[in-house]
Amino acid sequence: MGQDLNYSVEILAPRERVWEQMLGEAGYRDWTAAFCEGSTYQGRWETGADMLFLGPSGDGMRARIELARAPEAVSIQHLGELAGGAPKEGSDWQGVFERYHLLVQGGGTRLEVELTQVPQAYVEMMNTMWPVALQRLKQACEA
């Protein structure tokens, strides 16, 4: 059984800017470098769309966008892992949800991130990488 994880950051920028920086191609590459330098995605941030989240090696995740409601929320359902661009058998990440909520707060945005049922082997790594990623996103949005 996995563990639910929650992270948040206060960003002094309107949520439309945070949304674009977080999910636009250039902004996405920047803040997700905290997880894997050269991270990209293939697909569309639209409800029901299939997505691939890839590192330069072709390793990554297959996912479906459960919900995309700009600039308020996006929910990603992980379907499994990729190894060298091909589906990997027996993925620990199948069924994990990654949800983002962008809340108006004062003159800025509170970004809340929720990960459900993260495999125990990844909890420490997530707790190390997520705060770094969110600070990168905050700096880019406030620049």
C-alpha atoms as a PDB file:
ATOM      1  CA  MET A   1       0.000   0.000   0.000  1.00  0.00           C
ATOM      2  CA  GLY A   2       1.322   3.421  -0.909  1.00  0.00           C
ATOM      3  CA  GLN A   3       1.438   6.661   1.020  1.00  0.00           C
ATOM      4  CA  ASP A   4      -0.382   9.920   0.263  1.00  0.00           C
ATOM      5  CA  LEU A   5       1.927  12.945   0.013  1.00  0.00           C
ATOM      6  CA  ASN A   6       1.064  16.659  -0.006  1.00  0.00           C
ATOM      7  CA  TYR A   7       3.172  19.683  -0.924  1.00  0.00           C
ATOM      8  CA  SER A   8       2.369  23.371  -1.355  1.00  0.00           C
ATOM      9  CA  VAL A   9       3.986  26.666  -2.242  1.00  0.00           C
ATOM     10  CA  GLU A  10       2.879  30.309  -2.143  1.00  0.00           C
ATOM     11  CA  ILE A  11       3.632  32.087  -5.423  1.00  0.00           C
ATOM     12  CA  LEU A  12       3.391  35.864  -5.880  1.00  0.00           C
ATOM     13  CA  ALA A  13       1.842  35.616  -9.353  1.00  0.00           C
ATOM     14  CA  PRO A  14      -1.687  35.178 -10.714  1.00  0.00           C
ATOM     15  CA  ARG A  15      -2.756  31.572 -11.153  1.00  0.00           C
ATOM     16  CA  GLU A  16      -3.012  31.980 -14.954  1.00  0.00           C
ATOM     17  CA  ARG A  17       0.744  32.682 -14.976  1.00  0.00           C
ATOM     18  CA  VAL A  18       1.427  29.747 -12.640  1.00  0.00           C
ATOM     19  CA  TRP A  19      -0.663  27.427 -14.846  1.00  0.00           C
ATOM     20  CA  GLU A  20       1.195  28.483 -18.005  1.00  0.00           C
ATOM     21  CA  GLN A  21       4.630  28.250 -16.362  1.00  0.00           C
ATOM     22  CA  MET A  22       3.814  24.886 -14.783  1.00  0.00           C
ATOM     23  CA  LEU A  23       2.310  23.195 -17.859  1.00  0.00           C
ATOM     24  CA  GLY A  24       3.726  25.107 -20.840  1.00  0.00           C
ATOM     25  CA  GLU A  25       6.551  23.230 -22.544  1.00  0.00           C
ATOM     26  CA  ALA A  26       9.467  25.536 -21.600  1.00  0.00           C
ATOM     27  CA  GLY A  27       8.281  26.121 -18.043  1.00  0.00           C
ATOM     28  CA  TYR A  28       7.593  22.416 -17.515  1.00  0.00           C
ATOM     29  CA  ARG A  29      11.143  21.517 -18.612  1.00  0.00           C
ATOM     30  CA  ASP A  30      12.538  24.021 -16.116  1.00  0.00           C
ATOM     31  CA  TRP A  31      10.779  23.080 -12.892  1.00  0.00           C
ATOM     32  CA  THR A  32      10.709  19.323 -13.550  1.00  0.00           C
ATOM     33  CA  ALA A  33      14.499  19.324 -13.961  1.00  0.00           C
ATOM     34  CA  ALA A  34      14.448  18.877 -10.158  1.00  0.00           C
ATOM     35  CA  PHE A  35      13.248  15.304 -10.848  1.00  0.00           C
ATOM     36  CA  CYS A  36      15.103  14.587 -14.082  1.00  0.00           C
ATOM     37  CA  GLU A  37      17.115  17.018 -16.209  1.00  0.00           C
ATOM     38  CA  GLY A  38      15.612  17.112 -19.703  1.00  0.00           C
ATOM     39  CA  SER A  39      12.088  16.004 -18.702  1.00  0.00           C
ATOM     40  CA  THR A  40       9.412  16.497 -21.361  1.00  0.00           C
ATOM     41  CA  TYR A  41       5.840  15.458 -22.007  1.00  0.00           C
ATOM     42  CA  GLN A  42       3.916  14.328 -25.063  1.00  0.00           C
ATOM     43  CA  GLY A  43       0.194  14.956 -25.163  1.00  0.00           C
ATOM     44  CA  ARG A  44      -2.318  17.654 -24.305  1.00  0.00           C
ATOM     45  CA  TRP A  45      -3.390  19.034 -20.936  1.00  0.00           C
ATOM     46  CA  GLU A  46      -7.048  18.199 -21.629  1.00  0.00           C
ATOM     47  CA  THR A  47      -9.513  16.046 -19.672  1.00  0.00           C
ATOM     48  CA  GLY A  48      -9.341  12.470 -20.985  1.00  0.00           C
ATOM     49  CA  ALA A  49      -6.102  12.950 -22.950  1.00  0.00           C
ATOM     50  CA  ASP A  50      -3.319  10.353 -22.826  1.00  0.00           C
ATOM     51  CA  MET A  51       0.104  11.687 -21.820  1.00  0.00           C
ATOM     52  CA  LEU A  52       3.672  10.469 -21.784  1.00  0.00           C
ATOM     53  CA  PHE A  53       6.119  11.977 -19.284  1.00  0.00           C
ATOM     54  CA  LEU A  54       9.644  11.230 -20.471  1.00  0.00           C
ATOM     55  CA  GLY A  55      13.245  11.671 -19.473  1.00  0.00           C
ATOM     56  CA  PRO A  56      15.985  11.900 -22.132  1.00  0.00           C
ATOM     57  CA  SER A  57      16.538   8.107 -21.959  1.00  0.00           C
ATOM     58  CA  GLY A  58      12.909   7.379 -22.858  1.00  0.00           C
ATOM     59  CA  ASP A  59      12.183   6.217 -19.303  1.00  0.00           C
ATOM     60  CA  GLY A  60       9.112   7.749 -17.724  1.00  0.00           C
ATOM     61  CA  MET A  61       5.378   7.374 -17.168  1.00  0.00           C
ATOM     62  CA  ARG A  62       2.212   6.724 -19.125  1.00  0.00           C
ATOM     63  CA  ALA A  63      -0.746   8.670 -17.788  1.00  0.00           C
ATOM     64  CA  ARG A  64      -4.221   9.971 -18.493  1.00  0.00           C
ATOM     65  CA  ILE A  65      -5.463  13.445 -17.635  1.00  0.00           C
ATOM     66  CA  GLU A  66      -8.379  12.768 -15.289  1.00  0.00           C
ATOM     67  CA  LEU A  67      -9.245  16.478 -15.151  1.00  0.00           C
ATOM     68  CA  ALA A  68      -7.838  19.673 -16.651  1.00  0.00           C
ATOM     69  CA  ARG A  69      -9.639  22.875 -15.708  1.00  0.00           C
ATOM     70  CA  ALA A  70      -7.441  25.903 -16.437  1.00  0.00           C
ATOM     71  CA  PRO A  71      -6.287  27.730 -14.393  1.00  0.00           C
ATOM     72  CA  GLU A  72      -7.749  25.929 -11.359  1.00  0.00           C
ATOM     73  CA  ALA A  73      -6.858  22.243 -11.289  1.00  0.00           C
ATOM     74  CA  VAL A  74      -5.259  19.337 -13.101  1.00  0.00           C
ATOM     75  CA  SER A  75      -5.377  15.674 -12.102  1.00  0.00           C
ATOM     76  CA  ILE A  76      -3.129  13.019 -13.622  1.00  0.00           C
ATOM     77  CA  GLN A  77      -3.796   9.281 -13.298  1.00  0.00           C
ATOM     78  CA  HIS A  78      -0.610   7.270 -13.738  1.00  0.00           C
ATOM     79  CA  LEU A  79      -1.152   4.158 -15.854  1.00  0.00           C
ATOM     80  CA  GLY A  80       2.341   2.685 -15.660  1.00  0.00           C
ATOM     81  CA  GLU A  81       6.033   3.187 -16.237  1.00  0.00           C
ATOM     82  CA  LEU A  82       8.054   3.313 -19.441  1.00  0.00           C
ATOM     83  CA  ALA A  83      11.546   1.899 -19.913  1.00  0.00           C
ATOM     84  CA  GLY A  84      13.332   3.104 -23.035  1.00  0.00           C
ATOM     85  CA  GLY A  85       9.983   4.364 -24.342  1.00  0.00           C
ATOM     86  CA  ALA A  86       8.235   0.969 -24.007  1.00  0.00           C
ATOM     87  CA  PRO A  87       5.660  -0.007 -21.341  1.00  0.00           C
ATOM     88  CA  LYS A  88       7.278  -1.666 -18.338  1.00  0.00           C
ATOM     89  CA  GLU A  89       5.578  -4.706 -16.819  1.00  0.00           C
ATOM     90  CA  GLY A  90       4.421  -4.595 -13.201  1.00  0.00           C
ATOM     91  CA  SER A  91       4.625  -0.862 -12.547  1.00  0.00           C
ATOM     92  CA  ASP A  92       4.452   0.316  -8.915  1.00  0.00           C
ATOM     93  CA  TRP A  93       2.995   3.614 -10.154  1.00  0.00           C
ATOM     94  CA  GLN A  94      -0.162   2.220 -11.753  1.00  0.00           C
ATOM     95  CA  GLY A  95      -3.171   3.905 -10.144  1.00  0.00           C
ATOM     96  CA  VAL A  96      -1.207   6.724  -8.483  1.00  0.00           C
ATOM     97  CA  PHE A  97      -2.899  10.114  -8.861  1.00  0.00           C
ATOM     98  CA  GLU A  98      -1.017  13.417  -9.057  1.00  0.00           C
ATOM     99  CA  ARG A  99      -3.317  16.391  -8.451  1.00  0.00           C
ATOM    100  CA  TYR A 100      -2.615  20.121  -8.619  1.00  0.00           C
ATOM    101  CA  HIS A 101      -4.904  22.808  -7.178  1.00  0.00           C
ATOM    102  CA  LEU A 102      -4.207  26.476  -7.927  1.00  0.00           C
ATOM    103  CA  LEU A 103      -5.960  28.638  -5.346  1.00  0.00           C
ATOM    104  CA  VAL A 104      -6.246  32.419  -5.423  1.00  0.00           C
ATOM    105  CA  GLN A 105      -4.576  33.748  -2.294  1.00  0.00           C
ATOM    106  CA  GLY A 106      -4.255  37.494  -1.748  1.00  0.00           C
ATOM    107  CA  GLY A 107      -2.423  38.857  -4.784  1.00  0.00           C
ATOM    108  CA  GLY A 108      -0.947  35.490  -5.649  1.00  0.00           C
ATOM    109  CA  THR A 109      -1.505  31.763  -5.921  1.00  0.00           C
ATOM    110  CA  ARG A 110      -1.275  28.893  -3.490  1.00  0.00           C
ATOM    111  CA  LEU A 111      -0.302  25.757  -5.411  1.00  0.00           C
ATOM    112  CA  GLU A 112      -1.230  22.538  -3.629  1.00  0.00           C
ATOM    113  CA  VAL A 113       0.074  19.197  -4.902  1.00  0.00           C
ATOM    114  CA  GLU A 114      -1.387  15.871  -3.791  1.00  0.00           C
ATOM    115  CA  LEU A 115       0.062  12.467  -4.685  1.00  0.00           C
ATOM    116  CA  THR A 116      -2.029   9.427  -3.763  1.00  0.00           C
ATOM    117  CA  GLN A 117      -0.697   5.970  -2.944  1.00  0.00           C
ATOM    118  CA  VAL A 118       2.976   6.693  -3.733  1.00  0.00           C
ATOM    119  CA  PRO A 119       4.954   3.438  -3.545  1.00  0.00           C
ATOM    120  CA  GLN A 120       6.871   3.370  -0.246  1.00  0.00           C
ATOM    121  CA  ALA A 121      10.218   2.952  -2.038  1.00  0.00           C
ATOM    122  CA  TYR A 122       9.761   6.452  -3.570  1.00  0.00           C
ATOM    123  CA  VAL A 123       8.458   8.440  -0.575  1.00  0.00           C
ATOM    124  CA  GLU A 124      11.836   9.714   0.647  1.00  0.00           C
ATOM    125  CA  MET A 125      12.892  10.674  -2.890  1.00  0.00           C
ATOM    126  CA  MET A 126       9.593  12.529  -3.466  1.00  0.00           C
ATOM    127  CA  ASN A 127       9.952  14.363  -0.134  1.00  0.00           C
ATOM    128  CA  THR A 128      13.417  15.520  -1.246  1.00  0.00           C
ATOM    129  CA  MET A 129      12.633  16.451  -4.859  1.00  0.00           C
ATOM    130  CA  TRP A 130       9.165  18.064  -4.634  1.00  0.00           C
ATOM    131  CA  PRO A 131      10.183  21.032  -2.444  1.00  0.00           C
ATOM    132  CA  VAL A 132      13.081  21.771  -4.836  1.00  0.00           C
ATOM    133  CA  ALA A 133      10.784  21.529  -7.880  1.00  0.00           C
ATOM    134  CA  LEU A 134       8.188  23.843  -6.315  1.00  0.00           C
ATOM    135  CA  GLN A 135      10.849  26.431  -5.449  1.00  0.00           C
ATOM    136  CA  ARG A 136      12.065  26.344  -9.078  1.00  0.00           C
ATOM    137  CA  LEU A 137       8.478  26.896 -10.256  1.00  0.00           C
ATOM    138  CA  LYS A 138       7.968  29.731  -7.735  1.00  0.00           C
ATOM    139  CA  GLN A 139      11.160  31.508  -8.852  1.00  0.00           C
ATOM    140  CA  ALA A 140      10.226  31.242 -12.532  1.00  0.00           C
ATOM    141  CA  CYS A 141       6.679  32.525 -11.930  1.00  0.00           C
ATOM    142  CA  GLU A 142       7.854  35.460  -9.816  1.00  0.00           C
ATOM    143  CA  ALA A 143      10.698  36.462 -12.183  1.00  0.00           C
END
